[in-house]
Protein backbone atom coordinates (compact mmCIF):
# COMPACT_ATOMS: atom_id res chain seq x y z
CA UNK A 1 0.00 0.00 0.00
CA UNK A 2 2.93 2.30 0.69
CA UNK A 3 4.15 1.93 -2.87
CA UNK A 4 0.67 2.73 -4.20
CA UNK A 5 0.41 5.91 -2.14
CA UNK A 6 3.85 7.07 -3.35
CA UNK A 7 2.59 7.02 -6.95
CA UNK A 8 -0.46 9.23 -6.44
CA UNK A 9 -1.06 12.47 -8.31
CA UNK A 10 -0.01 14.59 -5.36
CA UNK A 11 3.51 13.13 -5.56
CA UNK A 12 3.92 14.78 -8.96
CA UNK A 13 5.36 18.24 -8.08
CA UNK A 14 4.22 19.95 -11.28
CA UNK A 15 0.69 18.61 -10.94
CA UNK A 16 0.20 19.48 -7.28
CA UNK A 17 1.43 23.05 -7.92
CA UNK A 18 -0.92 23.26 -10.90
CA UNK A 19 -3.76 22.22 -8.56
CA UNK A 20 -2.70 24.98 -6.18
CA UNK A 21 -2.89 27.55 -8.99
CA UNK A 22 -6.41 26.39 -9.87
CA UNK A 23 -7.86 26.67 -6.37
CA UNK A 24 -5.83 29.79 -5.52
CA UNK A 25 -7.23 31.59 -8.55
CA UNK A 26 -10.74 30.81 -7.34
CA UNK A 27 -9.89 32.45 -4.03
CA UNK A 28 -8.45 35.44 -5.93
CA UNK A 29 -11.86 36.02 -7.51
CA UNK A 30 -13.58 35.75 -4.12
CA UNK A 31 -11.25 38.22 -2.43
CA UNK A 32 -11.58 40.60 -5.35
CA UNK A 33 -15.34 40.74 -4.85
CA UNK A 34 -14.93 40.90 -1.07
CA UNK A 35 -13.20 44.28 -1.43
CA UNK A 36 -15.18 45.49 -4.47
CA UNK A 37 -16.69 48.48 -2.60
CA UNK A 38 -14.04 48.87 0.12
CA UNK A 39 -12.32 51.95 -1.41
CA UNK A 40 -15.65 53.55 -2.36
CA UNK A 41 -16.86 54.98 0.98
CA UNK A 42 -16.63 58.66 -0.12
CA UNK A 43 -18.22 57.81 -3.48
CA UNK A 44 -21.09 55.90 -1.85
CA UNK A 45 -21.71 58.84 0.49
CA UNK A 46 -22.02 61.19 -2.46
CA UNK A 47 -23.84 58.92 -4.93
CA UNK A 48 -26.32 57.23 -2.60
CA UNK A 49 -26.25 59.30 0.58
CA UNK A 50 -24.79 56.51 2.70
CA UNK A 51 -23.61 57.40 6.19
CA UNK A 52 -20.58 55.85 7.87
CA UNK A 53 -23.02 53.64 9.77
CA UNK A 54 -24.57 52.46 6.48
CA UNK A 55 -21.15 51.66 5.07
CA UNK A 56 -20.14 49.86 8.26
CA UNK A 57 -23.39 47.89 8.28
CA UNK A 58 -22.92 46.62 4.72
CA UNK A 59 -19.22 45.81 5.04
CA UNK A 60 -19.91 44.09 8.37
CA UNK A 61 -22.79 42.09 6.87
CA UNK A 62 -20.26 39.54 5.61
CA UNK A 63 -20.64 37.65 8.88
CA UNK A 64 -24.42 37.92 9.45
CA UNK A 65 -25.32 34.38 8.40
CA UNK A 66 -21.96 32.86 9.29
CA UNK A 67 -22.17 34.06 12.88
CA UNK A 68 -25.83 34.30 13.87
CA UNK A 69 -27.15 31.26 11.99
CA UNK A 70 -23.90 29.28 12.45
CA UNK A 71 -23.63 28.67 8.71
CA UNK A 72 -19.86 28.42 8.92
CA UNK A 73 -20.03 25.63 11.49
CA UNK A 74 -22.62 23.83 9.35
CA UNK A 75 -20.56 24.04 6.14
CA UNK A 76 -17.44 22.90 8.03
CA UNK A 77 -19.19 19.74 9.15
CA UNK A 78 -20.63 19.37 5.64
CA UNK A 79 -17.11 19.64 4.20
CA UNK A 80 -15.85 16.80 6.39
CA UNK A 81 -18.86 14.70 5.36
CA UNK A 82 -19.11 15.28 1.57
CA UNK A 83 -15.50 16.09 0.70
CA UNK A 84 -13.65 18.94 -0.94
CA UNK A 85 -14.65 18.74 -4.60
CA UNK A 86 -18.42 19.07 -4.18
CA UNK A 87 -17.90 21.60 -1.39
CA UNK A 88 -15.75 23.79 -3.65
CA UNK A 89 -18.40 23.99 -6.38
CA UNK A 90 -21.24 24.50 -3.89
CA UNK A 91 -19.29 27.28 -2.16
CA UNK A 92 -18.70 29.13 -5.44
CA UNK A 93 -22.39 28.86 -6.36
CA UNK A 94 -23.43 30.37 -3.02
CA UNK A 95 -20.93 33.22 -3.50
CA UNK A 96 -22.29 33.86 -6.99
CA UNK A 97 -25.88 34.16 -5.72
CA UNK A 98 -24.80 36.61 -3.01
CA UNK A 99 -22.82 38.67 -5.50
CA UNK A 100 -25.80 38.96 -7.85
CA UNK A 101 -28.06 40.16 -5.01
CA UNK A 102 -25.51 42.81 -4.03
CA UNK A 103 -25.27 43.99 -7.65
CA UNK A 104 -29.08 44.14 -7.87
CA UNK A 105 -29.22 46.44 -4.83
CA UNK A 106 -26.92 48.98 -6.48
CA UNK A 107 -28.41 48.72 -9.96
CA UNK A 108 -32.16 48.64 -9.27
CA UNK A 109 -33.03 49.86 -5.75
CA UNK A 110 -33.73 53.57 -5.26
CA UNK A 111 -31.35 54.83 -2.52
CA UNK A 112 -34.13 57.00 -1.07
CA UNK A 113 -36.33 53.97 -0.19
CA UNK A 114 -36.41 52.96 3.48
CA UNK A 115 -37.70 49.99 5.46
CA UNK A 116 -38.39 49.28 9.12
CA UNK A 117 -36.82 46.33 10.97
CA UNK A 118 -37.63 45.78 14.66
CA UNK A 119 -38.69 49.40 14.92
CA UNK A 120 -35.50 50.78 13.36
CA UNK A 121 -35.44 52.48 9.97
CA UNK A 122 -32.83 51.47 7.40
CA UNK A 123 -32.20 52.25 3.75
CA UNK A 124 -33.64 49.42 1.66
CA UNK A 125 -30.61 49.48 -0.61
CA UNK A 126 -28.30 49.08 2.38
CA UNK A 127 -30.20 46.07 3.77
CA UNK A 128 -30.42 44.27 0.41
CA UNK A 129 -26.74 44.95 -0.32
CA UNK A 130 -25.90 43.66 3.15
CA UNK A 131 -27.95 40.49 2.66
CA UNK A 132 -26.25 39.80 -0.65
CA UNK A 133 -22.87 40.30 1.00
CA UNK A 134 -23.90 37.99 3.86
CA UNK A 135 -24.80 35.20 1.42
CA UNK A 136 -21.56 35.84 -0.45
CA UNK A 137 -19.76 35.59 2.91
CA UNK A 138 -21.13 32.09 3.51
CA UNK A 139 -19.87 30.94 0.12
CA UNK A 140 -16.46 32.57 0.42
CA UNK A 141 -15.76 31.27 3.92
CA UNK A 142 -16.95 27.82 2.81
CA UNK A 143 -14.53 28.07 -0.11
CA UNK A 144 -11.76 29.24 2.20
CA UNK A 145 -11.93 26.25 4.54
CA UNK A 146 -12.36 23.93 1.56
CA UNK A 147 -9.22 25.27 -0.13
CA UNK A 148 -7.32 24.97 3.16
CA UNK A 149 -8.28 21.31 3.35
CA UNK A 150 -7.43 20.82 -0.34
CA UNK A 151 -3.93 22.15 0.30
CA UNK A 152 -3.48 19.84 3.30
CA UNK A 153 -4.72 16.95 1.13
CA UNK A 154 -2.20 17.64 -1.66
CA UNK A 155 0.76 19.07 0.31
CA UNK A 156 0.85 17.40 3.73
CA UNK A 157 4.41 16.32 4.50
CA UNK A 158 5.63 18.47 1.63
CA UNK A 159 5.66 22.27 1.07
CA UNK A 160 2.40 22.86 2.97
CA UNK A 161 3.11 26.29 4.51
CA UNK A 162 4.63 27.51 1.24
CA UNK A 163 1.53 26.30 -0.63
CA UNK A 164 -0.76 28.05 1.85
CA UNK A 165 1.38 31.16 1.53
CA UNK A 166 1.12 31.05 -2.25
CA UNK A 167 -2.67 30.61 -2.04
CA UNK A 168 -2.90 33.60 0.27
CA UNK A 169 -0.70 35.60 -2.10
CA UNK A 170 -3.16 34.92 -4.92
CA UNK A 171 -6.06 35.94 -2.68
CA UNK A 172 -4.32 39.17 -1.66
CA UNK A 173 -3.72 39.93 -5.34
CA UNK A 174 -7.50 39.87 -5.74
CA UNK A 175 -7.79 42.35 -2.87
CA UNK A 176 -5.19 44.62 -4.46
CA UNK A 177 -6.94 44.57 -7.85
CA UNK A 178 -10.21 45.62 -6.22
CA UNK A 179 -8.64 48.31 -4.02
CA UNK A 180 -6.77 49.79 -6.97
CA UNK A 181 -9.25 49.36 -9.82
CA UNK A 182 -12.68 49.88 -8.20
CA UNK A 183 -12.46 53.71 -7.89
CA UNK A 184 -11.17 53.97 -11.46
CA UNK A 185 -13.99 51.77 -12.79
CA UNK A 186 -16.57 53.87 -10.93
CA UNK A 187 -15.12 57.12 -12.30
CA UNK A 188 -15.16 55.69 -15.85
CA UNK A 189 -18.48 53.83 -15.62
CA UNK A 190 -20.55 53.47 -12.40
CA UNK A 191 -20.81 51.68 -9.07
CA UNK A 192 -23.18 48.96 -10.45
CA UNK A 193 -20.78 48.22 -13.34
CA UNK A 194 -17.94 47.87 -10.83
CA UNK A 195 -19.93 45.35 -8.77
CA UNK A 196 -21.00 43.40 -11.89
CA UNK A 197 -17.36 42.99 -12.94
CA UNK A 198 -16.76 41.42 -9.53
CA UNK A 199 -19.68 39.03 -10.08
CA UNK A 200 -18.21 37.95 -13.43
CA UNK A 201 -14.95 37.12 -11.65
CA UNK A 202 -16.82 34.93 -9.14
CA UNK A 203 -18.32 33.00 -12.07
CA UNK A 204 -14.84 32.43 -13.52
CA UNK A 205 -13.76 31.16 -10.10
CA UNK A 206 -16.63 28.67 -10.21
CA UNK A 207 -15.33 27.36 -13.54
CA UNK A 208 -11.85 26.76 -12.11
CA UNK A 209 -13.33 24.78 -9.20
CA UNK A 210 -15.13 22.61 -11.78
CA UNK A 211 -11.74 21.90 -13.42
CA UNK A 212 -10.36 20.89 -10.00
CA UNK A 213 -13.27 18.45 -9.54
CA UNK A 214 -11.92 16.03 -12.14
CA UNK A 215 -8.40 15.93 -10.69
CA UNK A 216 -9.79 15.29 -7.21
CA UNK A 217 -11.81 12.33 -8.52
CA UNK A 218 -8.63 10.76 -9.89
CA UNK A 219 -6.69 11.36 -6.66
CA UNK A 220 -9.46 9.84 -4.53
CA UNK A 221 -9.44 6.69 -6.66
CA UNK A 222 -5.71 6.35 -5.98
CA UNK A 223 -6.24 6.92 -2.25
CA UNK A 224 -9.24 4.61 -1.96
CA UNK A 225 -7.28 1.83 -0.26
CA UNK A 226 -5.97 4.29 2.32
CA UNK A 227 -9.50 5.64 2.91
CA UNK A 228 -10.98 2.15 3.26
CA UNK A 229 -8.31 1.29 5.82
CA UNK A 230 -9.58 3.93 8.23
CA UNK A 231 -11.51 2.53 11.15
CA UNK A 232 -14.72 4.15 12.38
CA UNK A 233 -12.79 5.75 15.21
CA UNK A 234 -10.52 7.44 12.66
CA UNK A 235 -13.30 9.09 10.62
CA UNK A 236 -14.95 12.38 11.56
CA UNK A 237 -17.78 12.13 14.07
CA UNK A 238 -19.91 14.87 15.59
CA UNK A 239 -18.41 14.20 19.01
CA UNK A 240 -15.08 15.39 17.59
CA UNK A 241 -16.39 18.97 17.91
CA UNK A 242 -16.07 18.59 21.67
CA UNK A 243 -12.46 17.50 21.27
CA UNK A 244 -11.70 20.55 19.12
CA UNK A 245 -13.38 22.99 21.52
CA UNK A 246 -11.53 21.45 24.47
CA UNK A 247 -8.14 22.08 22.86
CA UNK A 248 -6.43 25.18 24.26
CA UNK A 249 -4.22 25.47 21.17
CA UNK A 250 -7.31 25.70 18.99
CA UNK A 251 -8.66 28.59 21.07
CA UNK A 252 -5.39 30.52 21.04
CA UNK A 253 -5.24 30.21 17.24
CA UNK A 254 -8.92 31.17 16.89
CA UNK A 255 -8.62 34.23 19.15
CA UNK A 256 -5.37 35.35 17.52
CA UNK A 257 -7.12 34.95 14.17
CA UNK A 258 -10.18 37.07 15.02
CA UNK A 259 -8.17 39.83 16.69
CA UNK A 260 -5.46 40.00 14.05
CA UNK A 261 -7.76 39.81 11.02
CA UNK A 262 -10.14 42.34 12.62
CA UNK A 263 -7.24 44.76 12.63
CA UNK A 264 -6.62 44.20 8.90
CA UNK A 265 -9.77 43.44 6.88
CA UNK A 266 -11.89 46.27 8.37
CA UNK A 267 -8.89 48.52 7.65
CA UNK A 268 -9.40 47.73 3.96
CA UNK A 269 -12.90 49.20 4.34
CA UNK A 270 -12.06 52.33 6.35
CA UNK A 271 -8.38 52.78 5.49
CA UNK A 272 -9.01 54.49 2.13
CA UNK A 273 -11.30 57.04 3.80
CA UNK A 274 -8.63 57.62 6.47
CA UNK A 275 -6.11 58.27 3.69
CA UNK A 276 -8.42 60.92 2.22
CA UNK A 277 -9.34 62.64 5.49
CA UNK A 278 -6.09 62.45 7.48
CA UNK A 279 -3.33 62.22 4.89
CA UNK A 280 -4.95 64.17 2.04
CA UNK A 281 -4.74 61.39 -0.56
CA UNK A 282 -7.09 61.92 -3.58
CA UNK A 283 -10.12 59.63 -3.53
CA UNK A 284 -9.18 57.80 -6.72
CA UNK A 285 -5.76 56.85 -5.28
CA UNK A 286 -6.67 56.17 -1.65
CA UNK A 287 -7.62 52.57 -2.45
CA UNK A 288 -4.31 52.10 -4.26
CA UNK A 289 -2.35 53.20 -1.16
CA UNK A 290 -4.20 50.73 1.09
CA UNK A 291 -3.96 48.14 -1.69
CA UNK A 292 -0.18 48.16 -1.28
CA UNK A 293 -0.71 45.86 1.74
CA UNK A 294 -1.68 42.89 -0.47
CA UNK A 295 1.36 43.60 -2.67
CA UNK A 296 3.61 43.08 0.36
CA UNK A 297 1.81 39.83 1.18
CA UNK A 298 2.09 38.58 -2.40
CA UNK A 299 5.87 38.90 -2.17
CA UNK A 300 6.47 37.96 1.47
CA UNK A 301 3.86 35.36 2.49
CA UNK A 302 5.37 32.58 0.34
CA UNK A 303 8.84 33.48 1.67
CA UNK A 304 7.76 33.20 5.30
CA UNK A 305 5.76 30.05 4.51
CA UNK A 306 8.84 28.47 2.92
CA UNK A 307 10.85 29.47 6.00
CA UNK A 308 8.31 27.71 8.23
CA UNK A 309 8.40 24.58 6.03
CA UNK A 310 12.18 24.28 6.13
CA UNK A 311 13.26 25.90 9.42
CA UNK A 312 10.13 25.94 11.61
CA UNK A 313 9.62 28.77 14.14
CA UNK A 314 5.87 29.04 13.36
CA UNK A 315 4.87 30.35 16.80
CA UNK A 316 7.69 32.91 16.74
CA UNK A 317 6.66 34.10 13.27
CA UNK A 318 3.09 34.72 14.49
CA UNK A 319 4.33 36.56 17.59
CA UNK A 320 6.53 38.87 15.51
CA UNK A 321 3.65 39.65 13.13
CA UNK A 322 1.34 40.50 16.01
CA UNK A 323 3.96 42.91 17.40
CA UNK A 324 4.48 44.68 14.06
CA UNK A 325 0.79 45.36 13.52
CA UNK A 326 0.69 47.32 16.80
CA UNK A 327 3.37 49.65 15.43
CA UNK A 328 1.45 50.09 12.17
CA UNK A 329 -1.80 51.14 13.80
CA UNK A 330 -0.04 53.41 16.30
CA UNK A 331 1.44 55.35 13.37
CA UNK A 332 -2.00 55.64 11.76
CA UNK A 333 -3.59 56.76 15.04
CA UNK A 334 -1.15 59.45 16.29
CA UNK A 335 -2.91 62.73 15.36
CA UNK A 336 0.22 64.74 14.54
CA UNK A 337 1.47 62.28 11.91
CA UNK A 338 -0.35 63.50 8.80
CA UNK A 339 2.34 63.39 6.09
CA UNK A 340 1.82 60.77 3.39
CA UNK A 341 5.23 59.29 4.27
CA UNK A 342 3.88 58.11 7.63
CA UNK A 343 0.92 56.48 5.88
CA UNK A 344 3.28 54.58 3.58
CA UNK A 345 5.46 53.48 6.53
CA UNK A 346 2.41 52.13 8.36
CA UNK A 347 1.28 50.33 5.19
CA UNK A 348 4.71 48.68 4.99
CA UNK A 349 4.45 47.47 8.61
CA UNK A 350 0.92 46.20 7.98
CA UNK A 351 2.07 44.40 4.85
CA UNK A 352 4.91 42.61 6.62
CA UNK A 353 2.71 41.74 9.62
CA UNK A 354 -0.05 40.45 7.35
CA UNK A 355 2.52 38.22 5.66
CA UNK A 356 4.00 36.82 8.87
CA UNK A 357 0.92 35.74 10.83
CA UNK A 358 -1.17 34.00 8.12
CA UNK A 359 1.90 32.29 6.61
CA UNK A 360 2.35 30.35 9.84
CA UNK A 361 -1.11 30.32 11.42
CA UNK A 362 -3.07 28.25 8.88
CA UNK A 363 -0.26 25.73 8.41
CA UNK A 364 -0.06 25.30 12.20
CA UNK A 365 -3.65 24.09 12.60
CA UNK A 366 -2.89 20.56 11.24
CA UNK A 367 -0.25 20.24 13.96
CA UNK A 368 -2.85 20.94 16.63
CA UNK A 369 -5.94 19.20 15.16
CA UNK A 370 -6.10 15.71 13.51
CA UNK A 371 -6.69 15.72 9.74
CA UNK A 372 -10.13 14.06 9.96
CA UNK A 373 -11.32 17.07 12.01
CA UNK A 374 -9.60 19.77 9.96
CA UNK A 375 -12.65 20.93 7.99
CA UNK A 376 -14.65 21.47 11.16
CA UNK A 377 -11.67 23.02 12.98
CA UNK A 378 -11.02 25.50 10.18
CA UNK A 379 -14.75 26.26 10.05
CA UNK A 380 -14.89 26.98 13.78
CA UNK A 381 -11.83 29.26 13.51
CA UNK A 382 -13.42 31.06 10.56
CA UNK A 383 -16.65 31.35 12.56
CA UNK A 384 -14.83 33.09 15.40
CA UNK A 385 -13.06 35.27 12.81
CA UNK A 386 -16.40 36.22 11.26
CA UNK A 387 -17.60 37.58 14.60
CA UNK A 388 -14.87 40.19 14.26
CA UNK A 389 -15.53 40.78 10.57
CA UNK A 390 -19.18 41.45 11.43
CA UNK A 391 -18.75 43.48 14.61
CA UNK A 392 -15.70 45.63 13.91
CA UNK A 393 -16.78 47.37 10.65
CA UNK A 394 -20.23 47.96 12.14
CA UNK A 395 -18.66 49.37 15.31
CA UNK A 396 -16.21 51.53 13.35
CA UNK A 397 -18.99 53.10 11.28
CA UNK A 398 -21.16 53.78 14.31
CA UNK A 399 -18.32 55.27 16.38
CA UNK A 400 -17.22 57.41 13.44
CA UNK A 401 -20.71 58.89 13.11
CA UNK A 402 -21.06 59.42 16.86
CA UNK A 403 -17.69 61.20 17.14
CA UNK A 404 -18.34 63.41 14.10
CA UNK A 405 -21.89 64.72 14.68
CA UNK A 406 -21.28 68.02 12.87
CA UNK A 407 -20.04 66.25 9.74
CA UNK A 408 -23.05 63.93 9.75
CA UNK A 409 -25.49 66.82 10.13
CA UNK A 410 -23.89 68.96 7.40
CA UNK A 411 -23.71 66.14 4.86
CA UNK A 412 -27.26 65.04 5.57
CA UNK A 413 -28.62 68.59 5.27
CA UNK A 414 -26.73 69.25 2.04
CA UNK A 415 -27.89 66.02 0.42
CA UNK A 416 -31.54 66.64 1.30
CA UNK A 417 -31.24 70.06 -0.30
CA UNK A 418 -29.85 68.61 -3.53
CA UNK A 419 -32.49 65.86 -3.57
CA UNK A 420 -35.19 68.52 -3.27
CA UNK A 421 -33.92 69.98 -6.54
CA UNK A 422 -34.72 66.72 -8.31
CA UNK A 423 -31.10 65.97 -9.26
CA UNK A 424 -29.90 62.50 -10.31
CA UNK A 425 -27.54 60.46 -8.10
CA UNK A 426 -24.63 61.36 -10.40
CA UNK A 427 -25.46 65.07 -10.22
CA UNK A 428 -25.86 64.90 -6.44
CA UNK A 429 -22.46 63.19 -6.17
CA UNK A 430 -20.82 66.03 -8.09
CA UNK A 431 -22.56 68.66 -5.94
CA UNK A 432 -21.62 66.85 -2.71
CA UNK A 433 -18.00 66.62 -3.83
CA UNK A 434 -17.87 70.38 -4.38
CA UNK A 435 -19.74 71.04 -1.11
CA UNK A 436 -17.20 69.01 0.92
CA UNK A 437 -14.27 70.89 -0.62
CA UNK A 438 -15.80 74.36 -0.20
CA UNK A 439 -16.78 73.70 3.43
CA UNK A 440 -13.56 71.85 4.40
CA UNK A 441 -15.50 68.83 5.63
CA UNK A 442 -13.36 65.91 6.83
CA UNK A 443 -13.92 62.95 9.14
CA UNK A 444 -11.87 62.82 12.35
CA UNK A 445 -10.73 59.22 12.91
CA UNK A 446 -8.73 59.82 16.10
CA UNK A 447 -11.15 58.22 18.58
CA UNK A 448 -12.36 55.59 16.12
CA UNK A 449 -8.82 54.29 15.53
CA UNK A 450 -8.40 53.39 19.20
CA UNK A 451 -10.51 50.31 18.37
CA UNK A 452 -7.67 49.04 16.17
CA UNK A 453 -5.09 49.76 18.89
CA UNK A 454 -7.02 47.62 21.39
CA UNK A 455 -7.41 44.77 18.89
CA UNK A 456 -3.70 44.67 18.12
CA UNK A 457 -2.68 44.63 21.79
CA UNK A 458 -4.90 41.63 22.47
CA UNK A 459 -3.65 39.84 19.36
CA UNK A 460 -0.10 40.08 20.72
CA UNK A 461 -1.29 38.60 24.02
CA UNK A 462 -2.80 35.52 22.37
CA UNK A 463 0.21 35.08 20.09
CA UNK A 464 2.31 34.89 23.26
CA UNK A 465 -0.11 32.42 24.90
CA UNK A 466 -0.02 30.18 21.80
CA UNK A 467 3.78 30.21 21.82
CA UNK A 468 3.76 29.25 25.51
CA UNK A 469 1.14 26.52 24.98
CA UNK A 470 3.25 25.02 22.21
CA UNK A 471 6.24 24.91 24.53
CA UNK A 472 4.17 23.11 27.19
CA UNK A 473 2.21 20.64 25.02
CA UNK A 474 4.65 20.13 22.16
CA UNK A 475 2.44 20.76 19.12
CA UNK A 476 5.59 21.21 17.07
CA UNK A 477 4.84 24.75 15.91
CA UNK A 478 8.53 25.61 16.11
CA UNK A 479 9.49 22.54 14.05
CA UNK A 480 9.75 22.39 10.23
CA UNK A 481 6.75 21.11 8.24
CA UNK A 482 8.68 19.21 5.59
CA UNK A 483 9.55 15.61 6.33
CA UNK A 484 13.00 14.46 5.33
C-alpha cells in the first residue's frame, strides 16, 4: 500500500502546484469581490447618501449568516462529510448568488427607499446589499476552509506552509486589484458596473473549481485503499467537535485569528477614507495606497511560509507579526502624523505583519488538530473570525458617526437640499464633492482608531499564549513542516 500511495497524483510536483494555482485563482476572484466596494466609501456617500453607519453595516454584513445562523459551522461539518470537490463547487455557487443580489441592490433599488426592521429604519438598498454580502460571505468562507483542506490533502508532508502562503498571495492579489481598480472603474463607468465585474470574476472562479473536480476524482481513486483502511474511530464524528473545543491550542489560534484579522480586513474598508481625510490622498488613489498591503503579502507570504516549512519557528513568526501590527496602527492613530510618508510606513508594517501571521497560522492548525477534524476546525476558527468581521466594521462606522456629529449633520442637510432639486444620483455626487471641498469637511478618525489599537494589543497577548502553549504541550509549531 505504501508503494501505491507514493505514486499518487499529489507526488507529482508539477501537478500538485498546478492544482494549487487552480484553487488559488478561485480564491483570488472571491477576495476581489470581497473588497469590491471597500475603497468607495466617499463615493457611496455622495452617490447614494450613505452614512458611515450604512457603510459599516454593509461591510460588516459579511458575517451575518456565518455568525448568527452558524452557517460556517454547518458548512465545516458538511465539508468533512461530503468532501472537498463538491464543497468547492457548492461554495462558489453560493458566492455567486450573493454577489448577484448585491449587484441588484446597487443597480435597481432607489437609494431614497427605506424599510423598518424591529422598529429601526434602514435604507432598503443598504439592507439588500448587506444580505447579498452575507450570502456571499457564507460561500467565500466555505470556499476558504475547503481550499485549506485541499492544500493539506495535496501538500501534507511536503511544502504545505509555502503552498498556503502562495494561495494567500493569490487571494491578496485579488484584494489589491479591487482596491486599486474599483475607484477607477466607478469614475469611468458606475458603481453597479464595478460590482458586476466582480460578479463575473466569481463566475470564472466557479469554472476553475469545476476543473479541479476532475483531478480530485482521480486522486481519490488512488487513495481509496488508504480511505478504506480507516476505522470508524478514525473518521470524523460529531463528538469530535467537543475535542476541538476542548483544545487550548485551537482557542489561542482562533482568538489570535479574530483579533489580528479584525485589525486588517476592516482597515481595507475604512483605510481608504482615512487616507483621504487624514493624509490628504485623492479619492481615486486612496484605495491604491491601502492596496499596497496585499502587494507586500504577495511577495512575502510565500517566503515566510517556505521558511516555516524548512526551518520551523511558526509560533515565533506569528508573535513577531502581532507585534508589528501594533506599530502600524499606532502610526495611523497618532494625530500629529499626517504626512503621506507616515501612511506609507504604516502600510509597509501592515504588509509585513499580514505576511507573517497567516503564513504560519493556517499551516499550524494541522499540527494541533487531527486531519479528519480539519474541515470542522477551520470552520470553527473562521466562525470566530467572522464575529470580528461582522462586529468591527459595524462598530467603526457607528463610532465614526457618533464622534463626528457636525459632519453627519452637514452632509445630511446638504444632500436633502440637492435631492429637493430633483437631481440625479450622479449630479448629487458632483454637488456633494464640491460642497465638501468648499466647506472643508473631513472625518476625524482619532477616537475611532483606538478600536484598532485595542485589537492589536490583544492579538499580541494571544500570540504569546499560543507560543507558551506550544512549549508546554509540544504541538511542534517551532518545528519544520517538511519531512525528510
